[in-house]
């Protein structure tokens, strides 16, 4: 009898976790739809709750206030795993570090950026617009930008270590070039506004970086 009770309890706990995950995802999906469609400022927690089919208290309990919702959307879009993942643990970063040549590293990163921007660009542009009027979003915008810049300095050093980077470029300059061109705004210009395909974008980005960075 005790064993049966324990089995049922484990099942109940698993079921509750599954339901909680589903509720959280519904809240995030609703937030993404509204933030990108009508903007962060015009979106209310009540609207998010209605779209998700929950009450406002549930929004606060499963994710948090609007700034926490925006942060979760950005981090999930970057990682593609429904949670924040440190840069060094992301699959494409592992592949970049394992690649033997600078060109191979660039190719891996260009493909990764194209895949990421499909998810990230809409929410990141919504964050950019929100940062103009909301201090929490402005702080998040600055933090993400600074984090991207730091990661690009690591990538530039990795490219230099593999050999072939132009000797007239410093690692800081190389990092800034990559940082500017991997931005969601760049993707938006070419893919959203000019109609490029993600594959076309990634192939062009790899070629452009190779021409700009490599000897």
Protein backbone atom coordinates (compact mmCIF):
# COMPACT_ATOMS: atom_id res chain seq x y z
CA UNK A 1 0.00 0.00 0.00
CA UNK A 2 2.79 2.43 0.85
CA UNK A 3 4.47 1.82 -2.47
CA UNK A 4 1.24 2.56 -4.35
CA UNK A 5 0.75 5.80 -2.46
CA UNK A 6 4.30 6.93 -3.26
CA UNK A 7 3.81 6.10 -6.94
CA UNK A 8 0.57 8.09 -7.05
CA UNK A 9 2.25 11.03 -5.31
CA UNK A 10 5.11 11.05 -7.82
CA UNK A 11 2.54 11.00 -10.63
CA UNK A 12 0.57 13.85 -9.09
CA UNK A 13 3.71 15.96 -8.68
CA UNK A 14 4.74 15.30 -12.26
CA UNK A 15 1.29 16.21 -13.50
CA UNK A 16 1.29 19.45 -11.52
CA UNK A 17 4.70 20.42 -12.90
CA UNK A 18 3.50 19.70 -16.41
CA UNK A 19 0.42 21.86 -15.90
CA UNK A 20 2.53 24.66 -14.40
CA UNK A 21 4.88 24.54 -17.39
CA UNK A 22 1.94 24.68 -19.78
CA UNK A 23 0.47 27.66 -17.95
CA UNK A 24 3.79 29.49 -17.98
CA UNK A 25 4.20 28.86 -21.70
CA UNK A 26 0.68 30.11 -22.38
CA UNK A 27 1.47 33.33 -20.49
CA UNK A 28 4.72 33.80 -22.42
CA UNK A 29 3.04 33.10 -25.75
CA UNK A 30 0.34 35.65 -24.95
CA UNK A 31 2.96 38.19 -23.90
CA UNK A 32 4.91 37.69 -27.11
CA UNK A 33 1.81 38.08 -29.27
CA UNK A 34 0.75 41.30 -27.55
CA UNK A 35 4.18 42.89 -27.12
CA UNK A 36 4.99 42.43 -30.81
CA UNK A 37 1.52 43.32 -32.11
CA UNK A 38 0.64 46.40 -30.07
CA UNK A 39 3.83 47.25 -28.17
CA UNK A 40 5.03 46.77 -24.62
CA UNK A 41 3.65 50.02 -23.25
CA UNK A 42 0.11 49.50 -24.52
CA UNK A 43 -0.04 45.91 -23.29
CA UNK A 44 -1.46 45.30 -19.82
CA UNK A 45 -1.12 42.29 -17.56
CA UNK A 46 -4.91 41.95 -17.72
CA UNK A 47 -4.75 41.63 -21.51
CA UNK A 48 -2.01 39.02 -21.23
CA UNK A 49 -4.06 37.07 -18.70
CA UNK A 50 -7.13 37.14 -20.91
CA UNK A 51 -5.16 35.98 -23.96
CA UNK A 52 -3.56 33.17 -21.92
CA UNK A 53 -6.87 32.10 -20.34
CA UNK A 54 -5.75 32.74 -16.77
CA UNK A 55 -6.27 35.43 -14.15
CA UNK A 56 -3.77 38.28 -13.61
CA UNK A 57 -2.53 36.82 -10.33
CA UNK A 58 -1.45 33.72 -12.22
CA UNK A 59 0.64 35.84 -14.61
CA UNK A 60 2.47 37.34 -11.64
CA UNK A 61 2.96 33.99 -9.91
CA UNK A 62 4.24 31.96 -12.89
CA UNK A 63 6.51 34.63 -14.43
CA UNK A 64 6.19 38.05 -12.83
CA UNK A 65 5.60 41.66 -13.80
CA UNK A 66 5.86 42.96 -17.35
CA UNK A 67 9.65 43.48 -17.15
CA UNK A 68 10.10 39.86 -16.06
CA UNK A 69 7.87 38.74 -18.92
CA UNK A 70 10.01 40.66 -21.40
CA UNK A 71 13.24 39.29 -19.92
CA UNK A 72 11.94 35.71 -20.11
CA UNK A 73 10.92 36.20 -23.75
CA UNK A 74 14.33 37.56 -24.70
CA UNK A 75 16.31 34.88 -22.86
CA UNK A 76 14.14 32.06 -24.21
CA UNK A 77 14.44 33.38 -27.76
CA UNK A 78 18.23 33.53 -27.47
CA UNK A 79 18.57 30.03 -26.06
CA UNK A 80 15.72 28.36 -27.94
CA UNK A 81 15.20 26.10 -24.93
CA UNK A 82 12.45 27.76 -22.93
CA UNK A 83 14.96 29.04 -20.34
CA UNK A 84 18.09 31.15 -20.10
CA UNK A 85 21.25 29.23 -21.05
CA UNK A 86 24.78 30.59 -20.45
CA UNK A 87 26.59 31.35 -23.69
CA UNK A 88 29.30 28.75 -23.10
CA UNK A 89 26.67 26.00 -22.81
CA UNK A 90 24.86 26.73 -26.07
CA UNK A 91 25.31 24.11 -28.79
CA UNK A 92 26.54 26.51 -31.44
CA UNK A 93 29.17 27.98 -29.09
CA UNK A 94 30.51 24.50 -28.46
CA UNK A 95 30.64 23.93 -32.24
CA UNK A 96 32.41 27.23 -32.83
CA UNK A 97 35.10 26.40 -30.30
CA UNK A 98 35.55 22.96 -31.81
CA UNK A 99 35.93 24.29 -35.37
CA UNK A 100 39.56 24.35 -36.47
CA UNK A 101 39.64 27.39 -38.78
CA UNK A 102 38.42 30.95 -38.47
CA UNK A 103 36.26 30.54 -41.59
CA UNK A 104 34.64 27.41 -40.19
CA UNK A 105 33.88 29.25 -36.94
CA UNK A 106 32.31 32.13 -38.89
CA UNK A 107 30.16 29.72 -40.90
CA UNK A 108 28.83 28.06 -37.74
CA UNK A 109 28.04 31.38 -36.12
CA UNK A 110 26.31 32.84 -39.18
CA UNK A 111 23.99 29.83 -39.37
CA UNK A 112 23.31 30.08 -35.64
CA UNK A 113 22.48 33.79 -35.84
CA UNK A 114 20.01 33.17 -38.65
CA UNK A 115 18.23 30.49 -36.61
CA UNK A 116 18.20 32.65 -33.49
CA UNK A 117 16.86 35.76 -35.20
CA UNK A 118 13.77 33.93 -36.42
CA UNK A 119 12.81 33.77 -32.73
CA UNK A 120 14.61 36.77 -31.31
CA UNK A 121 14.14 39.64 -33.75
CA UNK A 122 10.43 40.34 -33.10
CA UNK A 123 10.75 40.37 -29.30
CA UNK A 124 14.06 42.23 -29.35
CA UNK A 125 12.63 45.00 -31.51
CA UNK A 126 9.70 45.24 -29.10
CA UNK A 127 12.22 45.55 -26.27
CA UNK A 128 14.08 48.30 -28.14
CA UNK A 129 10.90 50.31 -28.54
CA UNK A 130 9.92 49.75 -24.89
CA UNK A 131 13.36 50.88 -23.74
CA UNK A 132 12.59 54.38 -24.99
CA UNK A 133 9.98 54.92 -22.26
CA UNK A 134 10.36 52.16 -19.65
CA UNK A 135 13.36 52.21 -17.30
CA UNK A 136 13.27 48.46 -16.61
CA UNK A 137 13.28 47.66 -20.32
CA UNK A 138 16.01 50.23 -20.88
CA UNK A 139 18.14 48.50 -18.26
CA UNK A 140 17.48 45.11 -19.89
CA UNK A 141 18.27 46.51 -23.34
CA UNK A 142 21.59 47.86 -22.10
CA UNK A 143 22.42 44.65 -20.25
CA UNK A 144 21.75 42.43 -23.25
CA UNK A 145 23.73 44.74 -25.54
CA UNK A 146 26.70 44.77 -23.19
CA UNK A 147 26.53 40.99 -22.82
CA UNK A 148 26.49 40.54 -26.59
CA UNK A 149 29.50 42.84 -26.93
CA UNK A 150 31.44 40.88 -24.31
CA UNK A 151 30.62 37.59 -26.04
CA UNK A 152 31.77 39.02 -29.37
CA UNK A 153 35.12 39.95 -27.85
CA UNK A 154 35.50 36.31 -26.84
CA UNK A 155 34.58 35.22 -30.37
CA UNK A 156 37.05 37.68 -31.90
CA UNK A 157 39.82 36.28 -29.70
CA UNK A 158 38.82 32.74 -30.71
CA UNK A 159 39.00 33.71 -34.39
CA UNK A 160 42.41 35.28 -33.84
CA UNK A 161 43.62 32.13 -32.14
CA UNK A 162 42.55 30.05 -35.12
CA UNK A 163 44.63 32.23 -37.44
CA UNK A 164 43.73 34.23 -40.52
CA UNK A 165 42.24 37.37 -38.98
CA UNK A 166 43.40 40.58 -40.66
CA UNK A 167 46.46 41.93 -38.81
CA UNK A 168 45.26 45.53 -39.21
CA UNK A 169 42.14 44.82 -37.14
CA UNK A 170 42.22 44.73 -33.36
CA UNK A 171 40.11 42.17 -31.55
CA UNK A 172 37.93 45.05 -30.31
CA UNK A 173 37.30 46.24 -33.86
CA UNK A 174 36.55 42.71 -35.06
CA UNK A 175 34.15 42.22 -32.15
CA UNK A 176 32.35 45.47 -32.93
CA UNK A 177 31.92 44.46 -36.59
CA UNK A 178 30.36 41.15 -35.60
CA UNK A 179 28.29 42.78 -32.83
CA UNK A 180 26.74 45.30 -35.21
CA UNK A 181 25.93 42.77 -37.92
CA UNK A 182 24.46 40.07 -35.67
CA UNK A 183 21.90 42.54 -34.30
CA UNK A 184 18.17 41.89 -34.77
CA UNK A 185 17.90 45.27 -36.51
CA UNK A 186 20.20 44.00 -39.27
CA UNK A 187 18.10 40.86 -39.71
CA UNK A 188 14.93 42.95 -39.76
CA UNK A 189 16.24 45.16 -42.56
CA UNK A 190 17.19 42.32 -44.88
CA UNK A 191 14.77 39.50 -44.01
CA UNK A 192 11.63 41.27 -42.81
CA UNK A 193 11.79 44.40 -44.92
CA UNK A 194 13.66 43.22 -48.03
CA UNK A 195 12.35 39.67 -48.15
CA UNK A 196 15.58 37.69 -47.89
CA UNK A 197 15.26 34.08 -46.78
CA UNK A 198 16.96 32.96 -43.55
CA UNK A 199 19.31 30.77 -45.59
CA UNK A 200 20.17 33.64 -47.92
CA UNK A 201 20.86 35.83 -44.91
CA UNK A 202 23.13 33.32 -43.16
CA UNK A 203 25.15 32.60 -46.31
CA UNK A 204 25.59 36.29 -47.05
CA UNK A 205 26.50 37.06 -43.43
CA UNK A 206 29.21 34.38 -43.40
CA UNK A 207 30.63 35.69 -46.67
CA UNK A 208 30.54 39.31 -45.47
CA UNK A 209 32.27 38.50 -42.18
CA UNK A 210 34.92 36.47 -43.99
CA UNK A 211 35.63 39.36 -46.36
CA UNK A 212 35.68 41.94 -43.58
CA UNK A 213 37.60 40.01 -40.93
CA UNK A 214 39.90 37.52 -42.60
CA UNK A 215 43.13 38.17 -44.44
